């Protein structure tokens, strides 16, 4: 992966995290939405984050060390 791609992923991830942070601050700070619903949505968000992190970690472990697999292919 090139350095520009890594920088792009970092910037995109940072922007998404900032937007999500502002939304969550508003969502959990407002009194219009009931407390039970806010707790339920919080549990769903934590569950989705844990699933994505576990899938990403498994993907990372599966591809770690396989970079040299196709270097000796002749055309």
C-alpha atoms as a PDB file:
ATOM      1  CA  UNK A   1       0.000   0.000   0.000  1.00  0.00           C
ATOM      2  CA  UNK A   2       1.371   3.389  -0.942  1.00  0.00           C
ATOM      3  CA  UNK A   3       1.828   6.236   1.491  1.00  0.00           C
ATOM      4  CA  UNK A   4      -0.830   8.353  -0.236  1.00  0.00           C
ATOM      5  CA  UNK A   5      -3.377   5.567   0.150  1.00  0.00           C
ATOM      6  CA  UNK A   6      -2.575   5.261   3.846  1.00  0.00           C
ATOM      7  CA  UNK A   7      -2.934   9.013   4.318  1.00  0.00           C
ATOM      8  CA  UNK A   8      -6.255   8.934   2.440  1.00  0.00           C
ATOM      9  CA  UNK A   9      -7.566   6.114   4.647  1.00  0.00           C
ATOM     10  CA  UNK A  10      -6.486   7.990   7.767  1.00  0.00           C
ATOM     11  CA  UNK A  11      -8.203  11.188   6.623  1.00  0.00           C
ATOM     12  CA  UNK A  12     -11.398   9.378   5.643  1.00  0.00           C
ATOM     13  CA  UNK A  13     -11.443   7.469   8.930  1.00  0.00           C
ATOM     14  CA  UNK A  14     -10.813  10.645  10.913  1.00  0.00           C
ATOM     15  CA  UNK A  15     -13.630  12.461   9.131  1.00  0.00           C
ATOM     16  CA  UNK A  16     -16.044   9.616   9.717  1.00  0.00           C
ATOM     17  CA  UNK A  17     -15.068   9.408  13.389  1.00  0.00           C
ATOM     18  CA  UNK A  18     -15.498  13.172  13.827  1.00  0.00           C
ATOM     19  CA  UNK A  19     -18.938  13.144  12.194  1.00  0.00           C
ATOM     20  CA  UNK A  20     -19.962  10.110  14.221  1.00  0.00           C
ATOM     21  CA  UNK A  21     -18.714  11.793  17.393  1.00  0.00           C
ATOM     22  CA  UNK A  22     -20.772  14.932  16.776  1.00  0.00           C
ATOM     23  CA  UNK A  23     -23.847  12.831  16.028  1.00  0.00           C
ATOM     24  CA  UNK A  24     -23.402  10.662  19.130  1.00  0.00           C
ATOM     25  CA  UNK A  25     -22.867  13.747  21.303  1.00  0.00           C
ATOM     26  CA  UNK A  26     -26.149  15.163  20.058  1.00  0.00           C
ATOM     27  CA  UNK A  27     -27.984  11.804  20.196  1.00  0.00           C
ATOM     28  CA  UNK A  28     -27.022  10.985  23.761  1.00  0.00           C
ATOM     29  CA  UNK A  29     -27.274  14.598  24.949  1.00  0.00           C
ATOM     30  CA  UNK A  30     -30.799  15.329  23.749  1.00  0.00           C
ATOM     31  CA  UNK A  31     -33.766  14.861  26.062  1.00  0.00           C
ATOM     32  CA  UNK A  32     -36.265  14.375  23.217  1.00  0.00           C
ATOM     33  CA  UNK A  33     -35.305  10.711  22.761  1.00  0.00           C
ATOM     34  CA  UNK A  34     -36.119   8.350  25.636  1.00  0.00           C
ATOM     35  CA  UNK A  35     -33.307   6.937  27.751  1.00  0.00           C
ATOM     36  CA  UNK A  36     -34.165   3.312  26.984  1.00  0.00           C
ATOM     37  CA  UNK A  37     -33.987   3.913  23.248  1.00  0.00           C
ATOM     38  CA  UNK A  38     -30.640   5.714  23.598  1.00  0.00           C
ATOM     39  CA  UNK A  39     -29.230   2.798  25.617  1.00  0.00           C
ATOM     40  CA  UNK A  40     -30.493   0.274  23.038  1.00  0.00           C
ATOM     41  CA  UNK A  41     -28.962   2.211  20.138  1.00  0.00           C
ATOM     42  CA  UNK A  42     -25.709   2.538  22.082  1.00  0.00           C
ATOM     43  CA  UNK A  43     -25.605  -1.250  22.558  1.00  0.00           C
ATOM     44  CA  UNK A  44     -26.214  -1.795  18.847  1.00  0.00           C
ATOM     45  CA  UNK A  45     -23.446   0.652  17.908  1.00  0.00           C
ATOM     46  CA  UNK A  46     -20.972  -1.037  20.275  1.00  0.00           C
ATOM     47  CA  UNK A  47     -21.917  -4.454  18.853  1.00  0.00           C
ATOM     48  CA  UNK A  48     -21.409  -3.315  15.255  1.00  0.00           C
ATOM     49  CA  UNK A  49     -18.053  -1.746  16.116  1.00  0.00           C
ATOM     50  CA  UNK A  50     -16.917  -4.953  17.837  1.00  0.00           C
ATOM     51  CA  UNK A  51     -17.983  -7.078  14.850  1.00  0.00           C
ATOM     52  CA  UNK A  52     -16.183  -4.802  12.387  1.00  0.00           C
ATOM     53  CA  UNK A  53     -13.051  -4.780  14.536  1.00  0.00           C
ATOM     54  CA  UNK A  54     -13.072  -8.581  14.812  1.00  0.00           C
ATOM     55  CA  UNK A  55     -13.549  -8.984  11.060  1.00  0.00           C
ATOM     56  CA  UNK A  56     -10.777  -6.504  10.330  1.00  0.00           C
ATOM     57  CA  UNK A  57      -8.416  -8.228  12.756  1.00  0.00           C
ATOM     58  CA  UNK A  58      -9.120 -11.638  11.195  1.00  0.00           C
ATOM     59  CA  UNK A  59      -8.563 -10.202   7.725  1.00  0.00           C
ATOM     60  CA  UNK A  60      -5.264  -8.679   8.873  1.00  0.00           C
ATOM     61  CA  UNK A  61      -4.085 -11.950  10.412  1.00  0.00           C
ATOM     62  CA  UNK A  62      -5.113 -13.934   7.317  1.00  0.00           C
ATOM     63  CA  UNK A  63      -3.158 -11.716   4.921  1.00  0.00           C
ATOM     64  CA  UNK A  64      -0.127 -11.165   7.147  1.00  0.00           C
ATOM     65  CA  UNK A  65       2.947 -12.753   5.579  1.00  0.00           C
ATOM     66  CA  UNK A  66       1.335 -13.543   2.209  1.00  0.00           C
ATOM     67  CA  UNK A  67       2.843 -10.559   0.408  1.00  0.00           C
ATOM     68  CA  UNK A  68       5.615 -12.598  -1.241  1.00  0.00           C
ATOM     69  CA  UNK A  69       3.302 -15.336  -2.486  1.00  0.00           C
ATOM     70  CA  UNK A  70       3.069 -14.139  -6.104  1.00  0.00           C
ATOM     71  CA  UNK A  71       6.544 -12.666  -6.646  1.00  0.00           C
ATOM     72  CA  UNK A  72       7.925 -15.637  -8.584  1.00  0.00           C
ATOM     73  CA  UNK A  73       5.180 -15.822 -11.205  1.00  0.00           C
ATOM     74  CA  UNK A  74       6.632 -15.763 -14.752  1.00  0.00           C
ATOM     75  CA  UNK A  75       4.741 -14.401 -17.715  1.00  0.00           C
END
